[in-house]
């Protein structure tokens, strides 16, 4: 998919999410809606979901779409923790080349992780998206997903 097409698709998803989430302020419900829409509207998404920081500072799986996920990601491991520790989105073109990558599925080839911030600006979760193809995600995905994720605690 061209970047122009991706940009337009992310804008349409953003508009749809913005309307749908008016029904509730629940971050959990908003994340569920976002995961479902992204997973079903973006053709290269293999696994789409959220991981929450729990009180023990592990990441616990939240709302997601796709095959069964790792339920818990230990602190400071993998792409999700890289996004939290660096306080920014992480795009991985080939997960086999990412040190410490956690393989919940051997079918996953590339990944993007986007931090989710609460109203105070604290990272409380991440959006994690995997693809079966190498080099699926780029700057267009990062910008589109960051914009959509910002709706959760708005």
N, C-alpha and C. Protein backbone atom coordinates (compact mmCIF):
# COMPACT_ATOMS: atom_id res chain seq x y z
N UNK A 1 0.85 -1.18 0.00
CA UNK A 1 0.00 0.00 0.00
C UNK A 1 0.89 1.24 0.00
N UNK A 2 0.59 2.19 -0.85
CA UNK A 2 1.39 3.41 -0.92
C UNK A 2 1.18 4.25 0.33
N UNK A 3 2.14 5.13 0.61
CA UNK A 3 2.01 5.99 1.79
C UNK A 3 0.80 6.91 1.69
N UNK A 4 0.48 7.37 0.48
CA UNK A 4 -0.70 8.21 0.30
C UNK A 4 -1.96 7.44 0.68
N UNK A 5 -2.05 6.19 0.23
CA UNK A 5 -3.21 5.37 0.57
C UNK A 5 -3.25 5.08 2.07
N UNK A 6 -2.08 4.81 2.67
CA UNK A 6 -2.04 4.54 4.12
C UNK A 6 -2.47 5.77 4.90
N UNK A 7 -1.98 6.94 4.50
CA UNK A 7 -2.34 8.17 5.19
C UNK A 7 -3.85 8.37 5.15
N UNK A 8 -4.45 8.19 4.00
CA UNK A 8 -5.90 8.32 3.87
C UNK A 8 -6.65 7.30 4.70
N UNK A 9 -6.16 6.08 4.73
CA UNK A 9 -6.81 5.03 5.51
C UNK A 9 -6.72 5.34 7.01
N UNK A 10 -5.55 5.79 7.47
CA UNK A 10 -5.42 6.16 8.89
C UNK A 10 -6.35 7.32 9.23
N UNK A 11 -6.50 8.28 8.33
CA UNK A 11 -7.40 9.40 8.59
C UNK A 11 -8.85 8.93 8.70
N UNK A 12 -9.25 8.01 7.84
CA UNK A 12 -10.62 7.48 7.91
C UNK A 12 -10.83 6.69 9.20
N UNK A 13 -9.84 5.91 9.60
CA UNK A 13 -9.95 5.16 10.86
C UNK A 13 -10.01 6.13 12.04
N UNK A 14 -9.17 7.16 12.01
CA UNK A 14 -9.20 8.18 13.07
C UNK A 14 -10.60 8.78 13.20
N UNK A 15 -11.18 9.17 12.07
CA UNK A 15 -12.52 9.77 12.10
C UNK A 15 -13.56 8.81 12.66
N UNK A 16 -13.45 7.54 12.30
CA UNK A 16 -14.38 6.54 12.79
C UNK A 16 -14.21 6.33 14.30
N UNK A 17 -12.96 6.20 14.74
CA UNK A 17 -12.69 6.03 16.17
C UNK A 17 -13.20 7.22 16.96
N UNK A 18 -12.92 8.41 16.47
CA UNK A 18 -13.33 9.63 17.16
C UNK A 18 -14.83 9.65 17.43
N UNK A 19 -15.61 9.21 16.46
CA UNK A 19 -17.07 9.16 16.63
C UNK A 19 -17.48 8.05 17.59
N UNK A 20 -16.90 6.87 17.42
CA UNK A 20 -17.30 5.71 18.23
C UNK A 20 -16.98 5.88 19.70
N UNK A 21 -15.85 6.47 20.04
CA UNK A 21 -15.43 6.52 21.44
C UNK A 21 -16.20 7.55 22.26
N UNK A 22 -17.02 8.35 21.62
CA UNK A 22 -17.83 9.31 22.37
C UNK A 22 -18.80 8.61 23.31
N UNK A 23 -19.05 7.33 23.08
CA UNK A 23 -20.00 6.57 23.90
C UNK A 23 -19.48 6.31 25.32
N UNK A 24 -18.16 6.36 25.52
CA UNK A 24 -17.59 6.05 26.83
C UNK A 24 -16.24 6.70 27.00
N UNK A 25 -15.87 6.96 28.25
CA UNK A 25 -14.54 7.46 28.55
C UNK A 25 -13.61 6.34 29.00
N UNK A 26 -14.09 5.12 29.00
CA UNK A 26 -13.29 3.98 29.44
C UNK A 26 -12.12 3.74 28.50
N UNK A 27 -10.88 3.85 29.00
CA UNK A 27 -9.73 3.56 28.14
C UNK A 27 -9.76 2.13 27.60
N UNK A 28 -10.21 1.18 28.42
CA UNK A 28 -10.28 -0.22 28.01
C UNK A 28 -11.21 -0.38 26.81
N UNK A 29 -12.38 0.23 26.88
CA UNK A 29 -13.33 0.16 25.76
C UNK A 29 -12.79 0.85 24.52
N UNK A 30 -12.15 1.97 24.71
CA UNK A 30 -11.58 2.70 23.58
C UNK A 30 -10.47 1.88 22.92
N UNK A 31 -9.62 1.25 23.73
CA UNK A 31 -8.56 0.41 23.19
C UNK A 31 -9.13 -0.79 22.44
N UNK A 32 -10.19 -1.37 22.96
CA UNK A 32 -10.84 -2.50 22.29
C UNK A 32 -11.33 -2.10 20.90
N UNK A 33 -11.95 -0.94 20.82
CA UNK A 33 -12.47 -0.45 19.54
C UNK A 33 -11.32 -0.16 18.58
N UNK A 34 -10.27 0.48 19.07
CA UNK A 34 -9.13 0.80 18.22
C UNK A 34 -8.47 -0.47 17.69
N UNK A 35 -8.26 -1.46 18.56
CA UNK A 35 -7.63 -2.71 18.14
C UNK A 35 -8.47 -3.39 17.05
N UNK A 36 -9.77 -3.44 17.24
CA UNK A 36 -10.65 -4.10 16.27
C UNK A 36 -10.63 -3.37 14.93
N UNK A 37 -10.77 -2.06 14.96
CA UNK A 37 -10.80 -1.30 13.71
C UNK A 37 -9.48 -1.41 12.95
N UNK A 38 -8.38 -1.20 13.65
CA UNK A 38 -7.09 -1.28 12.97
C UNK A 38 -6.84 -2.67 12.39
N UNK A 39 -7.15 -3.68 13.18
CA UNK A 39 -6.86 -5.05 12.75
C UNK A 39 -7.65 -5.42 11.49
N UNK A 40 -8.88 -4.97 11.42
CA UNK A 40 -9.73 -5.36 10.30
C UNK A 40 -9.65 -4.41 9.10
N UNK A 41 -9.08 -3.23 9.30
CA UNK A 41 -9.02 -2.26 8.20
C UNK A 41 -7.63 -2.09 7.61
N UNK A 42 -6.61 -2.61 8.28
CA UNK A 42 -5.24 -2.52 7.77
C UNK A 42 -4.81 -3.91 7.32
N UNK A 43 -4.64 -4.13 6.03
CA UNK A 43 -4.46 -5.48 5.49
C UNK A 43 -3.22 -6.22 5.96
N UNK A 44 -2.17 -5.53 6.35
CA UNK A 44 -0.93 -6.21 6.74
C UNK A 44 -0.82 -6.46 8.25
N UNK A 45 -1.85 -6.12 9.01
CA UNK A 45 -1.81 -6.32 10.46
C UNK A 45 -2.12 -7.78 10.79
N UNK A 46 -1.18 -8.44 11.45
CA UNK A 46 -1.31 -9.84 11.85
C UNK A 46 -1.78 -9.96 13.30
N UNK A 47 -1.23 -9.13 14.16
CA UNK A 47 -1.62 -9.06 15.57
C UNK A 47 -1.68 -7.60 15.94
N UNK A 48 -2.78 -7.19 16.59
CA UNK A 48 -3.01 -5.79 16.91
C UNK A 48 -3.56 -5.70 18.31
N UNK A 49 -2.83 -5.07 19.23
CA UNK A 49 -3.36 -5.00 20.59
C UNK A 49 -2.54 -4.12 21.51
N UNK A 50 -2.95 -4.16 22.75
CA UNK A 50 -2.37 -3.30 23.79
C UNK A 50 -1.78 -4.14 24.91
N UNK A 51 -0.71 -3.63 25.48
CA UNK A 51 -0.12 -4.16 26.70
C UNK A 51 -0.11 -3.04 27.73
N UNK A 52 -0.56 -3.36 28.96
CA UNK A 52 -0.62 -2.41 30.07
C UNK A 52 0.53 -2.64 31.04
N UNK A 53 1.06 -1.56 31.61
CA UNK A 53 2.02 -1.67 32.70
C UNK A 53 1.22 -2.00 33.96
N UNK A 54 1.55 -3.13 34.62
CA UNK A 54 0.82 -3.49 35.84
C UNK A 54 1.57 -2.98 37.07
N UNK A 55 1.01 -3.25 38.24
CA UNK A 55 1.60 -2.73 39.48
C UNK A 55 2.96 -3.35 39.80
N UNK A 56 3.29 -4.47 39.19
CA UNK A 56 4.60 -5.09 39.38
C UNK A 56 5.59 -4.65 38.29
N UNK A 57 5.14 -3.77 37.45
CA UNK A 57 5.93 -3.24 36.34
C UNK A 57 6.27 -4.29 35.29
N UNK A 58 5.36 -5.22 35.09
CA UNK A 58 5.40 -6.10 33.94
C UNK A 58 4.39 -5.53 32.94
N UNK A 59 4.41 -6.03 31.72
CA UNK A 59 3.37 -5.67 30.76
C UNK A 59 2.40 -6.83 30.68
N UNK A 60 1.12 -6.51 30.81
CA UNK A 60 0.04 -7.49 30.77
C UNK A 60 -0.81 -7.22 29.55
N UNK A 61 -1.14 -8.28 28.80
CA UNK A 61 -1.92 -8.10 27.58
C UNK A 61 -3.30 -7.52 27.91
N UNK A 62 -3.73 -6.64 27.03
CA UNK A 62 -5.05 -6.04 27.13
C UNK A 62 -5.86 -6.39 25.90
N UNK A 63 -6.76 -5.52 25.48
CA UNK A 63 -7.58 -5.80 24.30
C UNK A 63 -6.71 -6.03 23.07
N UNK A 64 -7.03 -7.09 22.32
CA UNK A 64 -6.28 -7.37 21.10
C UNK A 64 -7.10 -8.15 20.11
N UNK A 65 -6.59 -8.20 18.88
CA UNK A 65 -7.14 -8.98 17.78
C UNK A 65 -6.00 -9.80 17.19
N UNK A 66 -6.29 -11.05 16.83
CA UNK A 66 -5.27 -11.90 16.24
C UNK A 66 -5.10 -13.17 17.05
N UNK A 67 -4.04 -13.92 16.76
CA UNK A 67 -3.81 -15.18 17.48
C UNK A 67 -3.50 -14.92 18.95
N UNK A 68 -3.55 -15.99 19.73
CA UNK A 68 -3.29 -15.90 21.17
C UNK A 68 -1.95 -15.19 21.41
N UNK A 69 -1.95 -14.31 22.40
CA UNK A 69 -0.79 -13.46 22.68
C UNK A 69 -0.02 -13.96 23.89
N UNK A 70 1.20 -13.44 24.03
CA UNK A 70 1.92 -13.59 25.29
C UNK A 70 1.11 -12.82 26.33
N UNK A 71 0.82 -13.44 27.46
CA UNK A 71 0.00 -12.78 28.47
C UNK A 71 0.79 -11.77 29.28
N UNK A 72 2.08 -12.01 29.44
CA UNK A 72 2.91 -11.13 30.26
C UNK A 72 4.28 -10.97 29.59
N UNK A 73 4.76 -9.74 29.55
CA UNK A 73 6.09 -9.44 29.05
C UNK A 73 6.92 -8.89 30.20
N UNK A 74 7.97 -9.59 30.56
CA UNK A 74 8.79 -9.18 31.69
C UNK A 74 9.43 -7.83 31.45
N UNK A 75 9.66 -7.12 32.55
CA UNK A 75 10.20 -5.76 32.50
C UNK A 75 11.49 -5.69 31.70
N UNK A 76 11.58 -4.63 30.90
CA UNK A 76 12.78 -4.27 30.15
C UNK A 76 13.20 -5.29 29.11
N UNK A 77 12.23 -6.01 28.55
CA UNK A 77 12.53 -6.96 27.47
C UNK A 77 11.65 -6.67 26.26
N UNK A 78 12.20 -6.86 25.08
CA UNK A 78 11.42 -6.78 23.86
C UNK A 78 11.14 -5.38 23.35
N UNK A 79 10.42 -5.35 22.24
CA UNK A 79 10.10 -4.10 21.55
C UNK A 79 9.14 -3.24 22.37
N UNK A 80 8.18 -3.87 23.02
CA UNK A 80 7.21 -3.09 23.81
C UNK A 80 7.90 -2.30 24.92
N UNK A 81 8.81 -2.95 25.63
CA UNK A 81 9.54 -2.23 26.67
C UNK A 81 10.47 -1.18 26.09
N UNK A 82 11.01 -1.40 24.91
CA UNK A 82 11.84 -0.38 24.27
C UNK A 82 11.02 0.89 24.05
N UNK A 83 9.76 0.73 23.64
CA UNK A 83 8.89 1.88 23.46
C UNK A 83 8.62 2.62 24.76
N UNK A 84 8.44 1.87 25.83
CA UNK A 84 8.19 2.48 27.14
C UNK A 84 9.46 3.14 27.67
N UNK A 85 10.55 2.41 27.66
CA UNK A 85 11.80 2.93 28.22
C UNK A 85 12.33 4.14 27.47
N UNK A 86 12.12 4.17 26.15
CA UNK A 86 12.58 5.31 25.34
C UNK A 86 11.52 6.39 25.19
N UNK A 87 10.31 6.10 25.69
CA UNK A 87 9.21 7.08 25.65
C UNK A 87 8.86 7.51 24.23
N UNK A 88 9.04 6.58 23.27
CA UNK A 88 8.68 6.93 21.89
C UNK A 88 8.37 5.66 21.11
N UNK A 89 7.74 5.85 19.96
CA UNK A 89 7.38 4.73 19.10
C UNK A 89 8.63 4.05 18.56
N UNK A 90 8.50 2.74 18.34
CA UNK A 90 9.60 1.94 17.81
C UNK A 90 9.10 1.18 16.59
N UNK A 91 9.82 1.33 15.47
CA UNK A 91 9.50 0.62 14.24
C UNK A 91 10.61 -0.40 14.02
N UNK A 92 10.23 -1.67 13.86
CA UNK A 92 11.20 -2.74 13.66
C UNK A 92 10.89 -3.42 12.32
N UNK A 93 11.79 -3.27 11.37
CA UNK A 93 11.59 -3.84 10.04
C UNK A 93 11.73 -5.35 10.00
N UNK A 94 12.59 -5.88 10.86
CA UNK A 94 12.82 -7.33 10.92
C UNK A 94 13.01 -7.70 12.38
N UNK A 95 12.03 -8.36 12.98
CA UNK A 95 12.09 -8.67 14.42
C UNK A 95 13.26 -9.58 14.77
N UNK A 96 13.74 -10.36 13.79
CA UNK A 96 14.88 -11.25 14.05
C UNK A 96 16.15 -10.46 14.34
N UNK A 97 16.20 -9.22 13.91
CA UNK A 97 17.37 -8.37 14.10
C UNK A 97 17.27 -7.47 15.33
N UNK A 98 16.15 -7.56 16.07
CA UNK A 98 15.96 -6.72 17.25
C UNK A 98 16.45 -7.48 18.48
N UNK A 99 17.48 -6.97 19.17
CA UNK A 99 18.00 -7.67 20.35
C UNK A 99 16.93 -7.83 21.43
N UNK A 100 16.73 -9.05 21.89
CA UNK A 100 15.77 -9.31 22.94
C UNK A 100 14.33 -9.41 22.48
N UNK A 101 14.09 -9.48 21.19
CA UNK A 101 12.72 -9.59 20.69
C UNK A 101 12.03 -10.79 21.33
N UNK A 102 10.79 -10.60 21.73
CA UNK A 102 9.99 -11.67 22.32
C UNK A 102 9.08 -12.21 21.23
N UNK A 103 9.26 -13.47 20.88
CA UNK A 103 8.49 -14.07 19.79
C UNK A 103 7.25 -14.77 20.34
N UNK A 104 6.14 -14.03 20.41
CA UNK A 104 4.88 -14.67 20.80
C UNK A 104 4.38 -15.55 19.66
N UNK A 105 4.74 -15.20 18.43
CA UNK A 105 4.40 -16.00 17.26
C UNK A 105 5.58 -15.98 16.29
N UNK A 106 5.95 -17.14 15.82
CA UNK A 106 7.05 -17.22 14.84
C UNK A 106 6.65 -16.63 13.50
N UNK A 107 5.37 -16.37 13.29
CA UNK A 107 4.89 -15.80 12.04
C UNK A 107 5.13 -14.29 11.95
N UNK A 108 5.37 -13.66 13.08
CA UNK A 108 5.59 -12.22 13.11
C UNK A 108 6.96 -11.89 12.54
N UNK A 109 7.00 -10.95 11.58
CA UNK A 109 8.25 -10.58 10.91
C UNK A 109 8.66 -9.12 11.15
N UNK A 110 7.67 -8.22 11.28
CA UNK A 110 7.98 -6.82 11.58
C UNK A 110 6.97 -6.31 12.61
N UNK A 111 7.30 -5.18 13.23
CA UNK A 111 6.51 -4.73 14.38
C UNK A 111 6.61 -3.22 14.54
N UNK A 112 5.54 -2.64 15.10
CA UNK A 112 5.57 -1.24 15.53
C UNK A 112 4.94 -1.18 16.91
N UNK A 113 5.54 -0.39 17.78
CA UNK A 113 5.03 -0.18 19.13
C UNK A 113 4.86 1.32 19.35
N UNK A 114 3.69 1.70 19.87
CA UNK A 114 3.38 3.12 20.11
C UNK A 114 2.97 3.29 21.57
N UNK A 115 3.69 4.13 22.33
CA UNK A 115 3.31 4.36 23.73
C UNK A 115 1.93 5.02 23.84
N UNK A 116 1.21 4.64 24.89
CA UNK A 116 -0.08 5.22 25.22
C UNK A 116 0.10 6.02 26.50
N UNK A 117 -0.21 7.31 26.44
CA UNK A 117 -0.05 8.18 27.61
C UNK A 117 -1.41 8.55 28.19
N UNK A 118 -1.46 8.57 29.54
CA UNK A 118 -2.68 9.01 30.20
C UNK A 118 -2.75 10.53 30.15
N UNK A 119 -3.77 11.10 30.79
CA UNK A 119 -3.96 12.56 30.72
C UNK A 119 -2.81 13.34 31.34
N UNK A 120 -2.08 12.70 32.25
CA UNK A 120 -0.93 13.36 32.88
C UNK A 120 0.35 13.20 32.06
N UNK A 121 0.28 12.44 30.97
CA UNK A 121 1.44 12.26 30.11
C UNK A 121 2.28 11.04 30.45
N UNK A 122 1.85 10.26 31.44
CA UNK A 122 2.59 9.06 31.84
C UNK A 122 2.27 7.91 30.89
N UNK A 123 3.31 7.17 30.46
CA UNK A 123 3.08 6.00 29.61
C UNK A 123 2.48 4.89 30.47
N UNK A 124 1.26 4.48 30.12
CA UNK A 124 0.55 3.46 30.90
C UNK A 124 0.34 2.18 30.12
N UNK A 125 0.62 2.23 28.81
CA UNK A 125 0.40 1.06 27.95
C UNK A 125 1.13 1.30 26.64
N UNK A 126 1.10 0.29 25.78
CA UNK A 126 1.59 0.44 24.41
C UNK A 126 0.61 -0.23 23.46
N UNK A 127 0.50 0.34 22.27
CA UNK A 127 -0.14 -0.34 21.15
C UNK A 127 0.96 -1.12 20.45
N UNK A 128 0.74 -2.40 20.23
CA UNK A 128 1.71 -3.27 19.58
C UNK A 128 1.05 -3.85 18.34
N UNK A 129 1.68 -3.69 17.18
CA UNK A 129 1.14 -4.25 15.94
C UNK A 129 2.24 -5.06 15.27
N UNK A 130 1.90 -6.29 14.90
CA UNK A 130 2.83 -7.18 14.20
C UNK A 130 2.32 -7.46 12.79
N UNK A 131 3.26 -7.74 11.90
CA UNK A 131 2.94 -8.11 10.53
C UNK A 131 3.68 -9.39 10.16
N UNK A 132 3.11 -10.15 9.25
CA UNK A 132 3.77 -11.35 8.73
C UNK A 132 4.82 -11.03 7.68
N UNK A 133 4.87 -9.78 7.25
CA UNK A 133 5.81 -9.34 6.21
C UNK A 133 6.93 -8.52 6.81
N UNK A 134 8.10 -8.58 6.22
CA UNK A 134 9.22 -7.73 6.64
C UNK A 134 8.95 -6.28 6.22
N UNK A 135 9.47 -5.35 7.00
CA UNK A 135 9.45 -3.92 6.67
C UNK A 135 8.06 -3.38 6.34
N UNK A 136 7.06 -3.81 7.09
CA UNK A 136 5.69 -3.35 6.85
C UNK A 136 5.49 -1.91 7.31
N UNK A 137 6.11 -1.53 8.41
CA UNK A 137 5.80 -0.27 9.07
C UNK A 137 6.85 0.80 8.77
N UNK A 138 6.37 2.05 8.69
CA UNK A 138 7.25 3.17 8.38
C UNK A 138 6.75 4.42 9.10
N UNK A 139 7.27 5.55 8.70
CA UNK A 139 6.91 6.83 9.32
C UNK A 139 5.42 7.14 9.18
N UNK A 140 4.83 6.77 8.08
CA UNK A 140 3.39 6.98 7.88
C UNK A 140 2.59 6.22 8.93
N UNK A 141 2.97 4.98 9.18
CA UNK A 141 2.30 4.18 10.22
C UNK A 141 2.51 4.81 11.59
N UNK A 142 3.74 5.22 11.87
CA UNK A 142 4.02 5.81 13.18
C UNK A 142 3.13 7.03 13.43
N UNK A 143 3.10 7.93 12.48
CA UNK A 143 2.29 9.15 12.64
C UNK A 143 0.80 8.81 12.75
N UNK A 144 0.33 7.93 11.88
CA UNK A 144 -1.09 7.56 11.90
C UNK A 144 -1.49 6.91 13.21
N UNK A 145 -0.67 5.98 13.68
CA UNK A 145 -1.00 5.27 14.93
C UNK A 145 -0.87 6.17 16.15
N UNK A 146 0.13 7.03 16.18
CA UNK A 146 0.26 7.95 17.31
C UNK A 146 -0.96 8.86 17.40
N UNK A 147 -1.44 9.33 16.28
CA UNK A 147 -2.62 10.21 16.26
C UNK A 147 -3.85 9.46 16.79
N UNK A 148 -4.02 8.22 16.36
CA UNK A 148 -5.17 7.44 16.80
C UNK A 148 -5.08 7.10 18.29
N UNK A 149 -3.89 6.71 18.74
CA UNK A 149 -3.70 6.34 20.15
C UNK A 149 -3.95 7.54 21.07
N UNK A 150 -3.67 8.74 20.59
CA UNK A 150 -3.90 9.95 21.41
C UNK A 150 -5.38 10.15 21.74
N UNK A 151 -6.27 9.48 21.05
CA UNK A 151 -7.70 9.60 21.34
C UNK A 151 -8.11 8.84 22.61
N UNK A 152 -7.31 7.89 23.06
CA UNK A 152 -7.72 7.02 24.17
C UNK A 152 -7.99 7.80 25.45
N UNK A 153 -7.10 8.67 25.83
CA UNK A 153 -7.26 9.42 27.09
C UNK A 153 -7.68 10.86 26.87
N UNK A 154 -8.15 11.17 25.69
CA UNK A 154 -8.57 12.53 25.37
C UNK A 154 -9.77 12.93 26.18
